[in-house]
Every structure is written in C-alpha cells, then in structure tokens.
C-alpha atoms as a PDB file:
ATOM      1  CA  MET A   1    -181.863 112.920  -2.348  1.00  0.00           C
ATOM      2  CA  ARG A   2    -183.596 111.992  -5.530  1.00  0.00           C
ATOM      3  CA  ALA A   3    -182.757 113.533  -8.877  1.00  0.00           C
ATOM      4  CA  VAL A   4    -185.226 114.528 -11.580  1.00  0.00           C
ATOM      5  CA  GLY A   5    -183.718 115.709 -14.826  1.00  0.00           C
ATOM      6  CA  HIS A   6    -180.806 117.926 -13.852  1.00  0.00           C
ATOM      7  CA  THR A   7    -182.310 118.878 -10.489  1.00  0.00           C
ATOM      8  CA  GLN A   8    -181.391 117.344  -7.145  1.00  0.00           C
ATOM      9  CA  ARG A   9    -184.086 117.277  -4.512  1.00  0.00           C
ATOM     10  CA  VAL A  10    -184.001 117.423  -0.761  1.00  0.00           C
ATOM     11  CA  ASP A  11    -185.584 114.467   1.018  1.00  0.00           C
ATOM     12  CA  SER A  12    -188.454 116.375   2.595  1.00  0.00           C
ATOM     13  CA  PRO A  13    -192.038 115.244   2.058  1.00  0.00           C
ATOM     14  CA  ARG A  14    -193.300 118.828   1.933  1.00  0.00           C
ATOM     15  CA  VAL A  15    -190.656 120.008  -0.555  1.00  0.00           C
ATOM     16  CA  THR A  16    -191.095 116.873  -2.647  1.00  0.00           C
ATOM     17  CA  ALA A  17    -194.870 117.375  -2.746  1.00  0.00           C
ATOM     18  CA  TRP A  18    -194.462 120.994  -3.920  1.00  0.00           C
ATOM     19  CA  LEU A  19    -191.917 120.066  -6.588  1.00  0.00           C
ATOM     20  CA  ASP A  20    -194.127 117.224  -7.803  1.00  0.00           C
ATOM     21  CA  GLU A  21    -197.074 119.635  -8.014  1.00  0.00           C
ATOM     22  CA  LEU A  22    -195.016 122.153  -9.973  1.00  0.00           C
ATOM     23  CA  GLU A  23    -193.852 119.462 -12.391  1.00  0.00           C
ATOM     24  CA  ARG A  24    -197.423 118.270 -12.800  1.00  0.00           C
ATOM     25  CA  THR A  25    -198.930 121.715 -13.412  1.00  0.00           C
ATOM     26  CA  ILE A  26    -196.229 123.584 -15.363  1.00  0.00           C
ATOM     27  CA  PRO A  27    -195.569 122.238 -18.851  1.00  0.00           C
ATOM     28  CA  PRO A  28    -191.847 121.703 -19.597  1.00  0.00           C
ATOM     29  CA  HIS A  29    -191.814 124.383 -22.311  1.00  0.00           C
ATOM     30  CA  GLU A  30    -193.025 126.978 -19.753  1.00  0.00           C
ATOM     31  CA  ARG A  31    -190.409 126.175 -17.097  1.00  0.00           C
ATOM     32  CA  ARG A  32    -187.532 128.603 -16.746  1.00  0.00           C
ATOM     33  CA  VAL A  33    -185.269 130.111 -14.160  1.00  0.00           C
ATOM     34  CA  LEU A  34    -186.328 133.578 -13.039  1.00  0.00           C
ATOM     35  CA  ARG A  35    -183.708 136.259 -12.529  1.00  0.00           C
ATOM     36  CA  ILE A  36    -184.542 137.953  -9.234  1.00  0.00           C
ATOM     37  CA  ALA A  37    -182.668 141.091  -8.180  1.00  0.00           C
ATOM     38  CA  HIS A  38    -182.220 141.140  -4.413  1.00  0.00           C
ATOM     39  CA  ARG A  39    -182.820 144.737  -3.266  1.00  0.00           C
ATOM     40  CA  GLY A  40    -182.701 145.821  -6.904  1.00  0.00           C
ATOM     41  CA  ALA A  41    -179.381 146.165  -8.707  1.00  0.00           C
ATOM     42  CA  SER A  42    -177.690 146.989  -5.422  1.00  0.00           C
ATOM     43  CA  ALA A  43    -174.202 146.597  -6.918  1.00  0.00           C
ATOM     44  CA  HIS A  44    -175.019 149.502  -9.246  1.00  0.00           C
ATOM     45  CA  ALA A  45    -177.184 151.837  -7.139  1.00  0.00           C
ATOM     46  CA  GLN A  46    -178.345 152.425  -3.559  1.00  0.00           C
ATOM     47  CA  GLU A  47    -180.110 149.228  -2.501  1.00  0.00           C
ATOM     48  CA  ASN A  48    -183.910 149.289  -2.583  1.00  0.00           C
ATOM     49  CA  SER A  49    -183.941 152.645  -4.383  1.00  0.00           C
ATOM     50  CA  ALA A  50    -186.065 153.457  -7.417  1.00  0.00           C
ATOM     51  CA  ASN A  51    -182.815 153.693  -9.376  1.00  0.00           C
ATOM     52  CA  ALA A  52    -181.729 150.195  -8.255  1.00  0.00           C
ATOM     53  CA  ILE A  53    -185.100 148.790  -9.312  1.00  0.00           C
ATOM     54  CA  ARG A  54    -184.919 150.558 -12.701  1.00  0.00           C
ATOM     55  CA  ILE A  55    -181.372 149.324 -13.360  1.00  0.00           C
ATOM     56  CA  ALA A  56    -182.354 145.777 -12.364  1.00  0.00           C
ATOM     57  CA  ALA A  57    -185.099 145.872 -15.002  1.00  0.00           C
ATOM     58  CA  GLU A  58    -182.677 147.269 -17.584  1.00  0.00           C
ATOM     59  CA  LEU A  59    -180.224 144.450 -16.781  1.00  0.00           C
ATOM     60  CA  GLY A  60    -182.926 141.865 -17.454  1.00  0.00           C
ATOM     61  CA  SER A  61    -184.273 140.956 -14.019  1.00  0.00           C
ATOM     62  CA  ASP A  62    -187.657 139.271 -14.069  1.00  0.00           C
ATOM     63  CA  LEU A  63    -188.468 140.296 -10.486  1.00  0.00           C
ATOM     64  CA  VAL A  64    -187.096 142.518  -7.743  1.00  0.00           C
ATOM     65  CA  GLU A  65    -187.197 141.357  -4.132  1.00  0.00           C
ATOM     66  CA  VAL A  66    -187.528 144.086  -1.524  1.00  0.00           C
ATOM     67  CA  ASP A  67    -188.522 144.298   2.130  1.00  0.00           C
ATOM     68  CA  VAL A  68    -191.276 146.670   3.194  1.00  0.00           C
ATOM     69  CA  ARG A  69    -191.406 148.097   6.698  1.00  0.00           C
ATOM     70  CA  VAL A  70    -193.919 150.490   8.224  1.00  0.00           C
ATOM     71  CA  THR A  71    -192.938 153.683  10.036  1.00  0.00           C
ATOM     72  CA  ALA A  72    -194.487 154.841  13.318  1.00  0.00           C
ATOM     73  CA  ASP A  73    -196.815 157.136  11.366  1.00  0.00           C
ATOM     74  CA  GLY A  74    -198.039 154.253   9.196  1.00  0.00           C
ATOM     75  CA  VAL A  75    -196.056 154.910   5.999  1.00  0.00           C
ATOM     76  CA  PRO A  76    -194.642 151.853   4.206  1.00  0.00           C
ATOM     77  CA  VAL A  77    -190.970 152.192   3.245  1.00  0.00           C
ATOM     78  CA  ILE A  78    -188.692 149.861   1.325  1.00  0.00           C
ATOM     79  CA  SER A  79    -185.806 148.886   3.580  1.00  0.00           C
ATOM     80  CA  HIS A  80    -184.062 145.610   4.349  1.00  0.00           C
ATOM     81  CA  ASP A  81    -182.943 146.779   7.770  1.00  0.00           C
ATOM     82  CA  ASP A  82    -185.145 147.646  10.702  1.00  0.00           C
ATOM     83  CA  SER A  83    -182.393 150.104  11.651  1.00  0.00           C
ATOM     84  CA  LEU A  84    -182.102 153.526  10.012  1.00  0.00           C
ATOM     85  CA  ASN A  85    -178.342 153.756  10.540  1.00  0.00           C
ATOM     86  CA  ARG A  86    -176.682 151.625   7.805  1.00  0.00           C
ATOM     87  CA  VAL A  87    -178.630 152.903   4.788  1.00  0.00           C
ATOM     88  CA  TYR A  88    -180.124 156.186   5.985  1.00  0.00           C
ATOM     89  CA  GLY A  89    -177.280 157.314   8.232  1.00  0.00           C
ATOM     90  CA  VAL A  90    -179.437 158.329  11.176  1.00  0.00           C
ATOM     91  CA  PRO A  91    -179.934 156.625  14.539  1.00  0.00           C
ATOM     92  CA  GLY A  92    -183.165 154.823  15.302  1.00  0.00           C
ATOM     93  CA  ARG A  93    -185.487 152.114  14.074  1.00  0.00           C
ATOM     94  CA  ILE A  94    -188.041 152.362  11.266  1.00  0.00           C
ATOM     95  CA  PRO A  95    -191.040 151.225  13.363  1.00  0.00           C
ATOM     96  CA  ARG A  96    -190.285 154.043  15.834  1.00  0.00           C
ATOM     97  CA  ALA A  97    -189.489 156.781  13.279  1.00  0.00           C
ATOM     98  CA  ASP A  98    -191.683 159.028  11.187  1.00  0.00           C
ATOM     99  CA  ALA A  99    -191.550 158.766   7.397  1.00  0.00           C
ATOM    100  CA  GLY A 100    -189.335 161.837   7.092  1.00  0.00           C
ATOM    101  CA  ALA A 101    -186.428 160.106   8.825  1.00  0.00           C
ATOM    102  CA  ALA A 102    -186.664 157.155   6.438  1.00  0.00           C
ATOM    103  CA  SER A 103    -186.864 159.264   3.283  1.00  0.00           C
ATOM    104  CA  ARG A 104    -183.303 160.603   3.258  1.00  0.00           C
ATOM    105  CA  PRO A 105    -181.017 157.735   2.195  1.00  0.00           C
ATOM    106  CA  ARG A 106    -177.287 158.084   2.533  1.00  0.00           C
ATOM    107  CA  ARG A 107    -175.659 158.527  -0.896  1.00  0.00           C
ATOM    108  CA  ARG A 108    -173.052 156.084  -2.213  1.00  0.00           C
END
C-alpha cells in the first residue's frame, strides 16, 4: 500500500490510476466525502420508500443509493431484493410479477 495524505491505497494498478486521475482533476478545495444513504434512511422508514428518501435528504445525505428492478409487465420498481417476500410480504420474484404485487410494501 502507498499512502497519500491521510488516505491509504490498495496496490492495484487500475485503482491507483483512477485515484491518481481524481487527484489530478479535482482541486483539493473541491474534494469532500459524500454522505450516501443506502436504501434511503432505512433505519427511520421502510427501505427504498419515498419516505426513506425524503428523510435521508432531511438528515443531510448527498445521495441515495437504490436498486431498480423491472416487473414482468415492464414497470421499474425500487427494491433491493429480487424476491417480493421480505419487503412486500408476498411470495414470488419481481421479474415474474406484475407491478401491482410490488406496489404494496409491508409496513414496519
């Protein structure tokens, strides 16, 4: 590993090349750590819900990371799981279900 500033780097030519490019192209005064909410503020609301995304923004998140899957009838839905059971409480898989099955999340 080689260290630059307070950052340790992995010895990988590809990673090193990307980090060098970022250091070269982003001025030091513009560098900052982004706060990314995984599935929204899922500790405060149903994961991947509009409410979780809104709360994440209110808590100061810069970005929200979500997974998008497509139902059998071609409707994109935000869901981490391919399965409908854990979050939606119904058997089946999103790619095999219609949008109606994926639109009724289980309440916390």
